[in-house]
Amino acid sequence: VTKDVPDFALVVGVPARRVGWVGRAGHPLQPK
């Protein structure tokens, strides 16, 4: 992680980048 991570973001990689969102349970969220 080299940049700030938004609330609820799922970040991966080097450098980390957002690839999705997660909820309070930690599971990836699904678009509704």
PDB file of all heavy atoms in Angstrom:
ATOM      1  N   VAL A   1       0.845  -1.190   0.000  1.00  0.00           N
ATOM      2  CA  VAL A   1       0.000   0.000   0.000  1.00  0.00           C
ATOM      3  C   VAL A   1       0.883   1.242   0.000  1.00  0.00           C
ATOM      4  O   VAL A   1       1.627   1.471   0.957  1.00  0.00           O
ATOM      5  CB  VAL A   1      -0.950   0.002   1.215  1.00  0.00           C
ATOM      6  CG1 VAL A   1      -1.783   1.273   1.247  1.00  0.00           C
ATOM      7  CG2 VAL A   1      -1.836  -1.231   1.198  1.00  0.00           C
ATOM      8  N   THR A   2       0.779   2.037  -1.081  1.00  0.00           N
ATOM      9  CA  THR A   2       1.573   3.260  -1.195  1.00  0.00           C
ATOM     10  C   THR A   2       0.692   4.506  -1.271  1.00  0.00           C
ATOM     11  O   THR A   2       1.211   5.620  -1.253  1.00  0.00           O
ATOM     12  CB  THR A   2       2.466   3.217  -2.448  1.00  0.00           C
ATOM     13  OG1 THR A   2       1.636   3.067  -3.606  1.00  0.00           O
ATOM     14  CG2 THR A   2       3.465   2.068  -2.363  1.00  0.00           C
ATOM     15  N   LYS A   3      -0.635   4.298  -1.361  1.00  0.00           N
ATOM     16  CA  LYS A   3      -1.586   5.409  -1.401  1.00  0.00           C
ATOM     17  C   LYS A   3      -2.728   5.098  -0.442  1.00  0.00           C
ATOM     18  O   LYS A   3      -3.012   3.934  -0.148  1.00  0.00           O
ATOM     19  CB  LYS A   3      -2.147   5.589  -2.811  1.00  0.00           C
ATOM     20  CG  LYS A   3      -1.100   5.990  -3.817  1.00  0.00           C
ATOM     21  CD  LYS A   3      -1.712   6.168  -5.188  1.00  0.00           C
ATOM     22  CE  LYS A   3      -0.624   6.574  -6.172  1.00  0.00           C
ATOM     23  NZ  LYS A   3      -1.112   6.623  -7.526  1.00  0.00           N
ATOM     24  N   ASP A   4      -3.430   6.144   0.000  1.00  0.00           N
ATOM     25  CA  ASP A   4      -4.552   5.952   0.915  1.00  0.00           C
ATOM     26  C   ASP A   4      -5.578   4.985   0.331  1.00  0.00           C
ATOM     27  O   ASP A   4      -5.821   4.975  -0.886  1.00  0.00           O
ATOM     28  CB  ASP A   4      -5.224   7.285   1.220  1.00  0.00           C
ATOM     29  CG  ASP A   4      -4.360   8.198   2.092  1.00  0.00           C
ATOM     30  OD1 ASP A   4      -3.322   7.743   2.600  1.00  0.00           O
ATOM     31  OD2 ASP A   4      -4.747   9.372   2.245  1.00  0.00           O
ATOM     32  N   VAL A   5      -6.172   4.193   1.210  1.00  0.00           N
ATOM     33  CA  VAL A   5      -7.182   3.206   0.844  1.00  0.00           C
ATOM     34  C   VAL A   5      -8.534   3.706   1.330  1.00  0.00           C
ATOM     35  O   VAL A   5      -8.695   3.991   2.519  1.00  0.00           O
ATOM     36  CB  VAL A   5      -6.854   1.839   1.483  1.00  0.00           C
ATOM     37  CG1 VAL A   5      -7.957   0.830   1.208  1.00  0.00           C
ATOM     38  CG2 VAL A   5      -5.497   1.330   1.007  1.00  0.00           C
ATOM     39  N   PRO A   6      -9.533   3.826   0.424  1.00  0.00           N
ATOM     40  CA  PRO A   6     -10.853   4.301   0.853  1.00  0.00           C
ATOM     41  C   PRO A   6     -11.556   3.324   1.805  1.00  0.00           C
ATOM     42  O   PRO A   6     -11.255   2.127   1.816  1.00  0.00           O
ATOM     43  CB  PRO A   6     -11.647   4.407  -0.456  1.00  0.00           C
ATOM     44  CG  PRO A   6     -10.645   4.346  -1.555  1.00  0.00           C
ATOM     45  CD  PRO A   6      -9.471   3.582  -1.013  1.00  0.00           C
ATOM     46  N   ASP A   7     -12.495   3.829   2.559  1.00  0.00           N
ATOM     47  CA  ASP A   7     -13.354   2.983   3.388  1.00  0.00           C
ATOM     48  C   ASP A   7     -13.974   1.892   2.515  1.00  0.00           C
ATOM     49  O   ASP A   7     -14.371   2.157   1.372  1.00  0.00           O
ATOM     50  CB  ASP A   7     -14.486   3.797   4.018  1.00  0.00           C
ATOM     51  CG  ASP A   7     -14.018   4.829   5.031  1.00  0.00           C
ATOM     52  OD1 ASP A   7     -12.839   4.812   5.425  1.00  0.00           O
ATOM     53  OD2 ASP A   7     -14.859   5.666   5.428  1.00  0.00           O
ATOM     54  N   PHE A   8     -14.042   0.658   3.034  1.00  0.00           N
ATOM     55  CA  PHE A   8     -14.688  -0.492   2.403  1.00  0.00           C
ATOM     56  C   PHE A   8     -14.005  -0.982   1.125  1.00  0.00           C
ATOM     57  O   PHE A   8     -14.527  -1.857   0.440  1.00  0.00           O
ATOM     58  CB  PHE A   8     -16.173  -0.203   2.100  1.00  0.00           C
ATOM     59  CG  PHE A   8     -17.003   0.106   3.318  1.00  0.00           C
ATOM     60  CD1 PHE A   8     -17.397   1.402   3.592  1.00  0.00           C
ATOM     61  CD2 PHE A   8     -17.387  -0.892   4.198  1.00  0.00           C
ATOM     62  CE1 PHE A   8     -18.163   1.710   4.705  1.00  0.00           C
ATOM     63  CE2 PHE A   8     -18.152  -0.610   5.316  1.00  0.00           C
ATOM     64  CZ  PHE A   8     -18.540   0.694   5.580  1.00  0.00           C
ATOM     65  N   ALA A   9     -12.843  -0.444   0.780  1.00  0.00           N
ATOM     66  CA  ALA A   9     -12.162  -0.852  -0.454  1.00  0.00           C
ATOM     67  C   ALA A   9     -11.470  -2.196  -0.278  1.00  0.00           C
ATOM     68  O   ALA A   9     -10.960  -2.525   0.791  1.00  0.00           O
ATOM     69  CB  ALA A   9     -11.151   0.201  -0.869  1.00  0.00           C
ATOM     70  N   LEU A  10     -11.433  -2.966  -1.367  1.00  0.00           N
ATOM     71  CA  LEU A  10     -10.628  -4.178  -1.460  1.00  0.00           C
ATOM     72  C   LEU A  10      -9.458  -3.831  -2.368  1.00  0.00           C
ATOM     73  O   LEU A  10      -9.656  -3.482  -3.539  1.00  0.00           O
ATOM     74  CB  LEU A  10     -11.448  -5.319  -2.060  1.00  0.00           C
ATOM     75  CG  LEU A  10     -10.675  -6.580  -2.462  1.00  0.00           C
ATOM     76  CD1 LEU A  10      -9.962  -7.202  -1.268  1.00  0.00           C
ATOM     77  CD2 LEU A  10     -11.622  -7.582  -3.123  1.00  0.00           C
ATOM     78  N   VAL A  11      -8.235  -3.875  -1.819  1.00  0.00           N
ATOM     79  CA  VAL A  11      -7.051  -3.539  -2.607  1.00  0.00           C
ATOM     80  C   VAL A  11      -6.117  -4.737  -2.676  1.00  0.00           C
ATOM     81  O   VAL A  11      -5.968  -5.492  -1.710  1.00  0.00           O
ATOM     82  CB  VAL A  11      -6.313  -2.285  -2.073  1.00  0.00           C
ATOM     83  CG1 VAL A  11      -7.213  -1.060  -2.134  1.00  0.00           C
ATOM     84  CG2 VAL A  11      -5.777  -2.484  -0.677  1.00  0.00           C
ATOM     85  N   VAL A  12      -5.479  -4.905  -3.853  1.00  0.00           N
ATOM     86  CA  VAL A  12      -4.570  -6.025  -4.090  1.00  0.00           C
ATOM     87  C   VAL A  12      -3.375  -5.529  -4.888  1.00  0.00           C
ATOM     88  O   VAL A  12      -3.438  -4.486  -5.543  1.00  0.00           O
ATOM     89  CB  VAL A  12      -5.257  -7.169  -4.876  1.00  0.00           C
ATOM     90  CG1 VAL A  12      -6.502  -7.670  -4.154  1.00  0.00           C
ATOM     91  CG2 VAL A  12      -5.609  -6.729  -6.288  1.00  0.00           C
ATOM     92  N   GLY A  13      -2.286  -6.281  -4.854  1.00  0.00           N
ATOM     93  CA  GLY A  13      -1.180  -6.067  -5.765  1.00  0.00           C
ATOM     94  C   GLY A  13      -0.073  -5.167  -5.271  1.00  0.00           C
ATOM     95  O   GLY A  13      -0.065  -4.688  -4.152  1.00  0.00           O
ATOM     96  N   VAL A  14       0.900  -4.977  -6.196  1.00  0.00           N
ATOM     97  CA  VAL A  14       2.087  -4.168  -5.928  1.00  0.00           C
ATOM     98  C   VAL A  14       2.267  -3.208  -7.093  1.00  0.00           C
ATOM     99  O   VAL A  14       2.615  -3.634  -8.181  1.00  0.00           O
ATOM    100  CB  VAL A  14       3.341  -5.065  -5.786  1.00  0.00           C
ATOM    101  CG1 VAL A  14       4.588  -4.235  -5.546  1.00  0.00           C
ATOM    102  CG2 VAL A  14       3.146  -6.107  -4.698  1.00  0.00           C
ATOM    103  N   PRO A  15       2.020  -1.927  -6.919  1.00  0.00           N
ATOM    104  CA  PRO A  15       1.412  -1.321  -5.729  1.00  0.00           C
ATOM    105  C   PRO A  15      -0.071  -1.676  -5.639  1.00  0.00           C
ATOM    106  O   PRO A  15      -0.692  -2.029  -6.646  1.00  0.00           O
ATOM    107  CB  PRO A  15       1.623   0.180  -5.952  1.00  0.00           C
ATOM    108  CG  PRO A  15       1.643   0.338  -7.435  1.00  0.00           C
ATOM    109  CD  PRO A  15       2.283  -0.930  -7.976  1.00  0.00           C
ATOM    110  N   ALA A  16      -0.624  -1.564  -4.446  1.00  0.00           N
ATOM    111  CA  ALA A  16      -2.020  -1.934  -4.232  1.00  0.00           C
ATOM    112  C   ALA A  16      -2.950  -1.026  -5.024  1.00  0.00           C
ATOM    113  O   ALA A  16      -2.725   0.173  -5.131  1.00  0.00           O
ATOM    114  CB  ALA A  16      -2.356  -1.861  -2.744  1.00  0.00           C
ATOM    115  N   ARG A  17      -3.984  -1.629  -5.584  1.00  0.00           N
ATOM    116  CA  ARG A  17      -5.022  -0.890  -6.322  1.00  0.00           C
ATOM    117  C   ARG A  17      -6.378  -1.483  -5.962  1.00  0.00           C
ATOM    118  O   ARG A  17      -6.480  -2.677  -5.645  1.00  0.00           O
ATOM    119  CB  ARG A  17      -4.771  -0.958  -7.819  1.00  0.00           C
ATOM    120  CG  ARG A  17      -4.922  -2.339  -8.365  1.00  0.00           C
ATOM    121  CD  ARG A  17      -4.222  -2.553  -9.705  1.00  0.00           C
ATOM    122  NE  ARG A  17      -4.326  -3.915 -10.161  1.00  0.00           N
ATOM    123  CZ  ARG A  17      -3.663  -4.950  -9.677  1.00  0.00           C
ATOM    124  NH1 ARG A  17      -2.850  -4.791  -8.668  1.00  0.00           N
ATOM    125  NH2 ARG A  17      -3.823  -6.155 -10.169  1.00  0.00           N
ATOM    126  N   ARG A  18      -7.401  -0.633  -6.014  1.00  0.00           N
ATOM    127  CA  ARG A  18      -8.747  -1.103  -5.664  1.00  0.00           C
ATOM    128  C   ARG A  18      -9.303  -1.971  -6.785  1.00  0.00           C
ATOM    129  O   ARG A  18      -9.283  -1.588  -7.948  1.00  0.00           O
ATOM    130  CB  ARG A  18      -9.690   0.069  -5.402  1.00  0.00           C
ATOM    131  CG  ARG A  18     -11.030  -0.401  -4.802  1.00  0.00           C
ATOM    132  CD  ARG A  18     -11.965   0.750  -4.501  1.00  0.00           C
ATOM    133  NE  ARG A  18     -12.536   1.332  -5.687  1.00  0.00           N
ATOM    134  CZ  ARG A  18     -13.546   0.800  -6.391  1.00  0.00           C
ATOM    135  NH1 ARG A  18     -14.103  -0.338  -6.013  1.00  0.00           N
ATOM    136  NH2 ARG A  18     -14.007   1.406  -7.453  1.00  0.00           N
ATOM    137  N   VAL A  19      -9.793  -3.157  -6.403  1.00  0.00           N
ATOM    138  CA  VAL A  19     -10.408  -4.069  -7.363  1.00  0.00           C
ATOM    139  C   VAL A  19     -11.865  -4.353  -7.022  1.00  0.00           C
ATOM    140  O   VAL A  19     -12.532  -5.099  -7.736  1.00  0.00           O
ATOM    141  CB  VAL A  19      -9.626  -5.398  -7.473  1.00  0.00           C
ATOM    142  CG1 VAL A  19      -8.224  -5.140  -8.023  1.00  0.00           C
ATOM    143  CG2 VAL A  19      -9.573  -6.126  -6.138  1.00  0.00           C
ATOM    144  N   GLY A  20     -12.345  -3.783  -5.919  1.00  0.00           N
ATOM    145  CA  GLY A  20     -13.727  -4.003  -5.524  1.00  0.00           C
ATOM    146  C   GLY A  20     -14.005  -3.376  -4.174  1.00  0.00           C
ATOM    147  O   GLY A  20     -13.216  -2.565  -3.671  1.00  0.00           O
ATOM    148  N   TRP A  21     -15.142  -3.771  -3.640  1.00  0.00           N
ATOM    149  CA  TRP A  21     -15.578  -3.297  -2.321  1.00  0.00           C
ATOM    150  C   TRP A  21     -15.820  -4.489  -1.421  1.00  0.00           C
ATOM    151  O   TRP A  21     -16.175  -5.571  -1.890  1.00  0.00           O
ATOM    152  CB  TRP A  21     -16.877  -2.493  -2.435  1.00  0.00           C
ATOM    153  CG  TRP A  21     -16.815  -1.258  -3.270  1.00  0.00           C
ATOM    154  CD1 TRP A  21     -17.423  -1.072  -4.483  1.00  0.00           C
ATOM    155  CD2 TRP A  21     -16.154  -0.028  -2.973  1.00  0.00           C
ATOM    156  NE1 TRP A  21     -17.158   0.201  -4.953  1.00  0.00           N
ATOM    157  CE2 TRP A  21     -16.386   0.859  -4.049  1.00  0.00           C
ATOM    158  CE3 TRP A  21     -15.374   0.410  -1.909  1.00  0.00           C
ATOM    159  CZ2 TRP A  21     -15.885   2.157  -4.079  1.00  0.00           C
ATOM    160  CZ3 TRP A  21     -14.867   1.697  -1.939  1.00  0.00           C
ATOM    161  CH2 TRP A  21     -15.120   2.551  -3.010  1.00  0.00           C
ATOM    162  N   VAL A  22     -15.663  -4.300  -0.119  1.00  0.00           N
ATOM    163  CA  VAL A  22     -16.013  -5.316   0.870  1.00  0.00           C
ATOM    164  C   VAL A  22     -16.930  -4.689   1.912  1.00  0.00           C
ATOM    165  O   VAL A  22     -16.883  -3.479   2.139  1.00  0.00           O
ATOM    166  CB  VAL A  22     -14.769  -5.910   1.571  1.00  0.00           C
ATOM    167  CG1 VAL A  22     -13.940  -6.729   0.614  1.00  0.00           C
ATOM    168  CG2 VAL A  22     -13.933  -4.835   2.230  1.00  0.00           C
ATOM    169  N   GLY A  23     -17.757  -5.534   2.526  1.00  0.00           N
ATOM    170  CA  GLY A  23     -18.627  -5.053   3.598  1.00  0.00           C
ATOM    171  C   GLY A  23     -17.997  -5.289   4.955  1.00  0.00           C
ATOM    172  O   GLY A  23     -16.847  -5.740   5.074  1.00  0.00           O
ATOM    173  N   ARG A  24     -18.740  -4.998   5.984  1.00  0.00           N
ATOM    174  CA  ARG A  24     -18.239  -5.159   7.354  1.00  0.00           C
ATOM    175  C   ARG A  24     -17.880  -6.605   7.678  1.00  0.00           C
ATOM    176  O   ARG A  24     -17.044  -6.863   8.544  1.00  0.00           O
ATOM    177  CB  ARG A  24     -19.271  -4.643   8.349  1.00  0.00           C
ATOM    178  CG  ARG A  24     -19.413  -3.130   8.311  1.00  0.00           C
ATOM    179  CD  ARG A  24     -20.551  -2.641   9.230  1.00  0.00           C
ATOM    180  NE  ARG A  24     -20.761  -1.226   9.048  1.00  0.00           N
ATOM    181  CZ  ARG A  24     -20.239  -0.279   9.846  1.00  0.00           C
ATOM    182  NH1 ARG A  24     -19.507  -0.632  10.870  1.00  0.00           N
ATOM    183  NH2 ARG A  24     -20.482   0.979   9.608  1.00  0.00           N
ATOM    184  N   ALA A  25     -18.483  -7.568   6.970  1.00  0.00           N
ATOM    185  CA  ALA A  25     -18.163  -8.983   7.192  1.00  0.00           C
ATOM    186  C   ALA A  25     -16.891  -9.402   6.457  1.00  0.00           C
ATOM    187  O   ALA A  25     -16.411 -10.523   6.647  1.00  0.00           O
ATOM    188  CB  ALA A  25     -19.340  -9.857   6.752  1.00  0.00           C
ATOM    189  N   GLY A  26     -16.347  -8.524   5.608  1.00  0.00           N
ATOM    190  CA  GLY A  26     -15.116  -8.825   4.884  1.00  0.00           C
ATOM    191  C   GLY A  26     -15.308  -9.496   3.548  1.00  0.00           C
ATOM    192  O   GLY A  26     -14.354  -9.686   2.807  1.00  0.00           O
ATOM    193  N   HIS A  27     -16.541  -9.857   3.211  1.00  0.00           N
ATOM    194  CA  HIS A  27     -16.811 -10.516   1.935  1.00  0.00           C
ATOM    195  C   HIS A  27     -16.894  -9.488   0.806  1.00  0.00           C
ATOM    196  O   HIS A  27     -17.417  -8.385   1.005  1.00  0.00           O
ATOM    197  CB  HIS A  27     -18.142 -11.276   1.998  1.00  0.00           C
ATOM    198  CG  HIS A  27     -18.109 -12.446   2.922  1.00  0.00           C
ATOM    199  ND1 HIS A  27     -17.917 -13.729   2.478  1.00  0.00           N
ATOM    200  CD2 HIS A  27     -18.224 -12.530   4.266  1.00  0.00           C
ATOM    201  CE1 HIS A  27     -17.922 -14.557   3.500  1.00  0.00           C
ATOM    202  NE2 HIS A  27     -18.107 -13.851   4.607  1.00  0.00           N
ATOM    203  N   PRO A  28     -16.399  -9.849  -0.386  1.00  0.00           N
ATOM    204  CA  PRO A  28     -16.560  -8.936  -1.531  1.00  0.00           C
ATOM    205  C   PRO A  28     -18.043  -8.665  -1.787  1.00  0.00           C
ATOM    206  O   PRO A  28     -18.868  -9.578  -1.740  1.00  0.00           O
ATOM    207  CB  PRO A  28     -15.927  -9.699  -2.693  1.00  0.00           C
ATOM    208  CG  PRO A  28     -14.954 -10.640  -2.039  1.00  0.00           C
ATOM    209  CD  PRO A  28     -15.605 -11.025  -0.730  1.00  0.00           C
ATOM    210  N   LEU A  29     -18.353  -7.394  -2.039  1.00  0.00           N
ATOM    211  CA  LEU A  29     -19.743  -7.007  -2.288  1.00  0.00           C
ATOM    212  C   LEU A  29     -20.116  -7.265  -3.734  1.00  0.00           C
ATOM    213  O   LEU A  29     -19.266  -7.230  -4.632  1.00  0.00           O
ATOM    214  CB  LEU A  29     -19.934  -5.527  -1.950  1.00  0.00           C
ATOM    215  CG  LEU A  29     -19.654  -5.130  -0.503  1.00  0.00           C
ATOM    216  CD1 LEU A  29     -19.866  -3.631  -0.312  1.00  0.00           C
ATOM    217  CD2 LEU A  29     -20.508  -5.925   0.472  1.00  0.00           C
ATOM    218  N   GLN A  30     -21.396  -7.503  -3.948  1.00  0.00           N
ATOM    219  CA  GLN A  30     -21.934  -7.737  -5.287  1.00  0.00           C
ATOM    220  C   GLN A  30     -22.778  -6.539  -5.699  1.00  0.00           C
ATOM    221  O   GLN A  30     -23.556  -6.018  -4.890  1.00  0.00           O
ATOM    222  CB  GLN A  30     -22.790  -9.006  -5.287  1.00  0.00           C
ATOM    223  CG  GLN A  30     -21.999 -10.235  -4.877  1.00  0.00           C
ATOM    224  CD  GLN A  30     -22.882 -11.448  -4.646  1.00  0.00           C
ATOM    225  OE1 GLN A  30     -24.095 -11.346  -4.502  1.00  0.00           O
ATOM    226  NE2 GLN A  30     -22.258 -12.607  -4.585  1.00  0.00           N
ATOM    227  N   PRO A  31     -22.622  -6.099  -6.971  1.00  0.00           N
ATOM    228  CA  PRO A  31     -23.444  -4.967  -7.422  1.00  0.00           C
ATOM    229  C   PRO A  31     -24.913  -5.356  -7.481  1.00  0.00           C
ATOM    230  O   PRO A  31     -25.252  -6.460  -7.885  1.00  0.00           O
ATOM    231  CB  PRO A  31     -22.881  -4.659  -8.814  1.00  0.00           C
ATOM    232  CG  PRO A  31     -22.206  -5.915  -9.252  1.00  0.00           C
ATOM    233  CD  PRO A  31     -21.763  -6.625  -8.020  1.00  0.00           C
ATOM    234  N   LYS A  32     -25.766  -4.458  -7.050  1.00  0.00           N
ATOM    235  CA  LYS A  32     -27.211  -4.714  -7.072  1.00  0.00           C
ATOM    236  C   LYS A  32     -27.842  -3.870  -8.168  1.00  0.00           C
ATOM    237  O   LYS A  32     -28.257  -4.378  -9.189  1.00  0.00           O
ATOM    238  CB  LYS A  32     -27.806  -4.413  -5.698  1.00  0.00           C
ATOM    239  CG  LYS A  32     -29.239  -4.819  -5.540  1.00  0.00           C
ATOM    240  CD  LYS A  32     -29.700  -4.640  -4.103  1.00  0.00           C
ATOM    241  CE  LYS A  32     -31.197  -4.880  -4.020  1.00  0.00           C
ATOM    242  NZ  LYS A  32     -31.726  -4.608  -2.702  1.00  0.00           N
TER     243      LYS A  32
END
